[in-house]
Amino acid sequence: MTTLLAILLAVDAILHGVIIARFGVKGNEPPLVFGLAYAALTVAIFLGIPYALWAVLFVTLVGLVGLTVAYKNISHEKTVERVIWVLNVVIILFASFILFAR
Protein backbone atom coordinates (compact mmCIF):
# COMPACT_ATOMS: atom_id res chain seq x y z
CA MET A 1 0.00 0.00 0.00
CA THR A 2 2.74 2.44 0.89
CA THR A 3 4.54 1.62 -2.35
CA LEU A 4 1.56 2.88 -4.33
CA LEU A 5 1.52 6.05 -2.23
CA ALA A 6 5.23 6.55 -2.90
CA ILE A 7 4.60 6.16 -6.63
CA LEU A 8 1.81 8.76 -6.48
CA LEU A 9 4.16 11.13 -4.64
CA ALA A 10 6.87 10.55 -7.24
CA VAL A 11 4.42 11.37 -10.03
CA ASP A 12 3.44 14.52 -8.14
CA ALA A 13 7.10 15.54 -7.85
CA ILE A 14 7.61 14.90 -11.57
CA LEU A 15 4.57 17.03 -12.46
CA HIS A 16 5.97 19.88 -10.38
CA GLY A 17 9.21 19.45 -12.30
CA VAL A 18 7.27 19.71 -15.56
CA ILE A 19 5.98 23.12 -14.46
CA ILE A 20 9.53 24.28 -13.73
CA ALA A 21 10.84 22.86 -17.01
CA ARG A 22 8.08 24.49 -19.07
CA PHE A 23 7.80 27.88 -17.40
CA GLY A 24 11.07 28.37 -15.50
CA VAL A 25 11.79 28.97 -11.84
CA LYS A 26 11.00 32.70 -11.81
CA GLY A 27 7.45 33.05 -10.56
CA ASN A 28 7.21 29.30 -9.94
CA GLU A 29 9.09 29.01 -6.68
CA PRO A 30 6.21 27.29 -4.82
CA PRO A 31 6.03 24.43 -7.36
CA LEU A 32 9.81 24.05 -7.05
CA VAL A 33 9.64 23.81 -3.25
CA PHE A 34 6.70 21.42 -3.29
CA GLY A 35 8.29 19.29 -6.00
CA LEU A 36 11.38 18.87 -3.81
CA ALA A 37 9.18 18.16 -0.78
CA TYR A 38 7.25 15.45 -2.65
CA ALA A 39 10.52 13.90 -3.83
CA ALA A 40 11.78 13.81 -0.22
CA LEU A 41 8.47 12.36 0.97
CA THR A 42 8.70 9.67 -1.70
CA VAL A 43 12.04 8.56 -0.30
CA ALA A 44 10.73 8.77 3.27
CA ILE A 45 7.76 6.54 2.44
CA PHE A 46 9.97 3.99 0.64
CA LEU A 47 12.31 3.89 3.65
CA GLY A 48 9.42 3.58 6.10
CA ILE A 49 10.46 6.58 8.16
CA PRO A 50 8.17 7.08 11.17
CA TYR A 51 5.56 9.83 10.79
CA ALA A 52 6.20 10.09 7.05
CA LEU A 53 2.51 9.47 6.38
CA TRP A 54 1.60 12.37 8.66
CA ALA A 55 4.10 14.56 6.81
CA VAL A 56 2.52 13.50 3.51
CA LEU A 57 -0.91 14.53 4.76
CA PHE A 58 0.33 17.88 6.06
CA VAL A 59 2.46 18.85 3.03
CA THR A 60 -0.15 17.70 0.53
CA LEU A 61 -2.95 19.52 2.34
CA VAL A 62 -0.93 22.74 2.46
CA GLY A 63 -0.06 22.32 -1.23
CA LEU A 64 -3.68 21.70 -2.17
CA VAL A 65 -4.89 24.76 -0.29
CA GLY A 66 -2.09 26.89 -1.76
CA LEU A 67 -2.82 25.73 -5.29
CA THR A 68 -6.54 26.36 -4.83
CA VAL A 69 -5.94 29.89 -3.54
CA ALA A 70 -3.35 30.75 -6.21
CA TYR A 71 -5.18 29.10 -9.13
CA LYS A 72 -6.75 32.30 -10.51
CA ASN A 73 -3.42 34.12 -10.42
CA ILE A 74 -1.54 31.55 -12.52
CA SER A 75 -0.71 33.32 -15.74
CA HIS A 76 0.25 30.34 -17.88
CA GLU A 77 -1.64 27.31 -19.18
CA LYS A 78 -3.08 25.37 -16.21
CA THR A 79 -3.51 21.76 -17.33
CA VAL A 80 -0.64 20.42 -15.23
CA GLU A 81 -1.95 22.31 -12.20
CA ARG A 82 -5.37 20.67 -12.66
CA VAL A 83 -3.76 17.23 -12.75
CA ILE A 84 -1.70 18.08 -9.66
CA TRP A 85 -4.84 19.23 -7.84
CA VAL A 86 -6.64 15.93 -8.54
CA LEU A 87 -3.51 13.93 -7.69
CA ASN A 88 -3.18 15.77 -4.38
CA VAL A 89 -6.77 14.87 -3.47
CA VAL A 90 -6.04 11.22 -4.29
CA ILE A 91 -2.84 11.31 -2.21
CA ILE A 92 -4.68 12.80 0.77
CA LEU A 93 -7.42 10.17 0.55
CA PHE A 94 -4.94 7.32 0.11
CA ALA A 95 -2.64 8.44 2.94
CA SER A 96 -5.68 8.89 5.20
CA PHE A 97 -6.84 5.39 4.34
CA ILE A 98 -3.43 3.94 5.18
CA LEU A 99 -3.28 5.82 8.48
CA PHE A 100 -6.83 5.38 9.73
CA ALA A 101 -8.39 2.34 8.05
CA ARG A 102 -5.57 -0.11 8.62
C-alpha atoms as a PDB file:
ATOM      1  CA  MET A   1       0.000   0.000   0.000  1.00  0.00           C
ATOM      2  CA  THR A   2       2.745   2.438   0.894  1.00  0.00           C
ATOM      3  CA  THR A   3       4.541   1.618  -2.354  1.00  0.00           C
ATOM      4  CA  LEU A   4       1.560   2.882  -4.332  1.00  0.00           C
ATOM      5  CA  LEU A   5       1.516   6.048  -2.226  1.00  0.00           C
ATOM      6  CA  ALA A   6       5.225   6.554  -2.901  1.00  0.00           C
ATOM      7  CA  ILE A   7       4.597   6.160  -6.632  1.00  0.00           C
ATOM      8  CA  LEU A   8       1.812   8.758  -6.479  1.00  0.00           C
ATOM      9  CA  LEU A   9       4.158  11.126  -4.643  1.00  0.00           C
ATOM     10  CA  ALA A  10       6.875  10.547  -7.241  1.00  0.00           C
ATOM     11  CA  VAL A  11       4.422  11.365 -10.035  1.00  0.00           C
ATOM     12  CA  ASP A  12       3.437  14.522  -8.144  1.00  0.00           C
ATOM     13  CA  ALA A  13       7.103  15.539  -7.855  1.00  0.00           C
ATOM     14  CA  ILE A  14       7.609  14.904 -11.573  1.00  0.00           C
ATOM     15  CA  LEU A  15       4.574  17.030 -12.465  1.00  0.00           C
ATOM     16  CA  HIS A  16       5.965  19.876 -10.380  1.00  0.00           C
ATOM     17  CA  GLY A  17       9.214  19.448 -12.301  1.00  0.00           C
ATOM     18  CA  VAL A  18       7.271  19.714 -15.558  1.00  0.00           C
ATOM     19  CA  ILE A  19       5.979  23.122 -14.464  1.00  0.00           C
ATOM     20  CA  ILE A  20       9.525  24.279 -13.726  1.00  0.00           C
ATOM     21  CA  ALA A  21      10.838  22.862 -17.009  1.00  0.00           C
ATOM     22  CA  ARG A  22       8.081  24.490 -19.069  1.00  0.00           C
ATOM     23  CA  PHE A  23       7.803  27.877 -17.399  1.00  0.00           C
ATOM     24  CA  GLY A  24      11.071  28.370 -15.498  1.00  0.00           C
ATOM     25  CA  VAL A  25      11.786  28.973 -11.843  1.00  0.00           C
ATOM     26  CA  LYS A  26      11.002  32.696 -11.814  1.00  0.00           C
ATOM     27  CA  GLY A  27       7.452  33.055 -10.556  1.00  0.00           C
ATOM     28  CA  ASN A  28       7.206  29.301  -9.939  1.00  0.00           C
ATOM     29  CA  GLU A  29       9.088  29.014  -6.676  1.00  0.00           C
ATOM     30  CA  PRO A  30       6.205  27.292  -4.819  1.00  0.00           C
ATOM     31  CA  PRO A  31       6.030  24.428  -7.360  1.00  0.00           C
ATOM     32  CA  LEU A  32       9.806  24.047  -7.049  1.00  0.00           C
ATOM     33  CA  VAL A  33       9.638  23.814  -3.251  1.00  0.00           C
ATOM     34  CA  PHE A  34       6.702  21.416  -3.286  1.00  0.00           C
ATOM     35  CA  GLY A  35       8.294  19.290  -5.998  1.00  0.00           C
ATOM     36  CA  LEU A  36      11.378  18.873  -3.814  1.00  0.00           C
ATOM     37  CA  ALA A  37       9.176  18.162  -0.784  1.00  0.00           C
ATOM     38  CA  TYR A  38       7.248  15.449  -2.645  1.00  0.00           C
ATOM     39  CA  ALA A  39      10.516  13.898  -3.827  1.00  0.00           C
ATOM     40  CA  ALA A  40      11.778  13.811  -0.224  1.00  0.00           C
ATOM     41  CA  LEU A  41       8.472  12.357   0.972  1.00  0.00           C
ATOM     42  CA  THR A  42       8.699   9.666  -1.705  1.00  0.00           C
ATOM     43  CA  VAL A  43      12.039   8.560  -0.304  1.00  0.00           C
ATOM     44  CA  ALA A  44      10.729   8.772   3.265  1.00  0.00           C
ATOM     45  CA  ILE A  45       7.763   6.536   2.444  1.00  0.00           C
ATOM     46  CA  PHE A  46       9.966   3.991   0.641  1.00  0.00           C
ATOM     47  CA  LEU A  47      12.307   3.888   3.651  1.00  0.00           C
ATOM     48  CA  GLY A  48       9.420   3.577   6.100  1.00  0.00           C
ATOM     49  CA  ILE A  49      10.458   6.577   8.157  1.00  0.00           C
ATOM     50  CA  PRO A  50       8.170   7.076  11.173  1.00  0.00           C
ATOM     51  CA  TYR A  51       5.564   9.826  10.787  1.00  0.00           C
ATOM     52  CA  ALA A  52       6.205  10.089   7.052  1.00  0.00           C
ATOM     53  CA  LEU A  53       2.510   9.471   6.385  1.00  0.00           C
ATOM     54  CA  TRP A  54       1.602  12.373   8.656  1.00  0.00           C
ATOM     55  CA  ALA A  55       4.100  14.561   6.810  1.00  0.00           C
ATOM     56  CA  VAL A  56       2.520  13.500   3.509  1.00  0.00           C
ATOM     57  CA  LEU A  57      -0.906  14.532   4.764  1.00  0.00           C
ATOM     58  CA  PHE A  58       0.335  17.882   6.056  1.00  0.00           C
ATOM     59  CA  VAL A  59       2.457  18.853   3.034  1.00  0.00           C
ATOM     60  CA  THR A  60      -0.151  17.705   0.528  1.00  0.00           C
ATOM     61  CA  LEU A  61      -2.955  19.515   2.335  1.00  0.00           C
ATOM     62  CA  VAL A  62      -0.927  22.739   2.458  1.00  0.00           C
ATOM     63  CA  GLY A  63      -0.056  22.324  -1.228  1.00  0.00           C
ATOM     64  CA  LEU A  64      -3.676  21.696  -2.166  1.00  0.00           C
ATOM     65  CA  VAL A  65      -4.886  24.764  -0.287  1.00  0.00           C
ATOM     66  CA  GLY A  66      -2.087  26.889  -1.756  1.00  0.00           C
ATOM     67  CA  LEU A  67      -2.816  25.728  -5.285  1.00  0.00           C
ATOM     68  CA  THR A  68      -6.535  26.360  -4.828  1.00  0.00           C
ATOM     69  CA  VAL A  69      -5.935  29.888  -3.536  1.00  0.00           C
ATOM     70  CA  ALA A  70      -3.354  30.750  -6.210  1.00  0.00           C
ATOM     71  CA  TYR A  71      -5.176  29.096  -9.134  1.00  0.00           C
ATOM     72  CA  LYS A  72      -6.750  32.298 -10.510  1.00  0.00           C
ATOM     73  CA  ASN A  73      -3.416  34.125 -10.424  1.00  0.00           C
ATOM     74  CA  ILE A  74      -1.535  31.552 -12.516  1.00  0.00           C
ATOM     75  CA  SER A  75      -0.706  33.321 -15.740  1.00  0.00           C
ATOM     76  CA  HIS A  76       0.252  30.338 -17.882  1.00  0.00           C
ATOM     77  CA  GLU A  77      -1.637  27.315 -19.181  1.00  0.00           C
ATOM     78  CA  LYS A  78      -3.082  25.368 -16.209  1.00  0.00           C
ATOM     79  CA  THR A  79      -3.514  21.756 -17.334  1.00  0.00           C
ATOM     80  CA  VAL A  80      -0.642  20.421 -15.230  1.00  0.00           C
ATOM     81  CA  GLU A  81      -1.949  22.307 -12.197  1.00  0.00           C
ATOM     82  CA  ARG A  82      -5.366  20.674 -12.660  1.00  0.00           C
ATOM     83  CA  VAL A  83      -3.764  17.229 -12.748  1.00  0.00           C
ATOM     84  CA  ILE A  84      -1.700  18.079  -9.657  1.00  0.00           C
ATOM     85  CA  TRP A  85      -4.842  19.228  -7.838  1.00  0.00           C
ATOM     86  CA  VAL A  86      -6.637  15.934  -8.540  1.00  0.00           C
ATOM     87  CA  LEU A  87      -3.515  13.926  -7.693  1.00  0.00           C
ATOM     88  CA  ASN A  88      -3.180  15.766  -4.377  1.00  0.00           C
ATOM     89  CA  VAL A  89      -6.767  14.868  -3.467  1.00  0.00           C
ATOM     90  CA  VAL A  90      -6.035  11.223  -4.288  1.00  0.00           C
ATOM     91  CA  ILE A  91      -2.836  11.309  -2.209  1.00  0.00           C
ATOM     92  CA  ILE A  92      -4.680  12.796   0.773  1.00  0.00           C
ATOM     93  CA  LEU A  93      -7.415  10.166   0.553  1.00  0.00           C
ATOM     94  CA  PHE A  94      -4.942   7.321   0.106  1.00  0.00           C
ATOM     95  CA  ALA A  95      -2.643   8.436   2.945  1.00  0.00           C
ATOM     96  CA  SER A  96      -5.683   8.889   5.198  1.00  0.00           C
ATOM     97  CA  PHE A  97      -6.838   5.387   4.339  1.00  0.00           C
ATOM     98  CA  ILE A  98      -3.429   3.941   5.177  1.00  0.00           C
ATOM     99  CA  LEU A  99      -3.280   5.816   8.479  1.00  0.00           C
ATOM    100  CA  PHE A 100      -6.828   5.383   9.726  1.00  0.00           C
ATOM    101  CA  ALA A 101      -8.387   2.340   8.050  1.00  0.00           C
ATOM    102  CA  ARG A 102      -5.565  -0.109   8.616  1.00  0.00           C
END
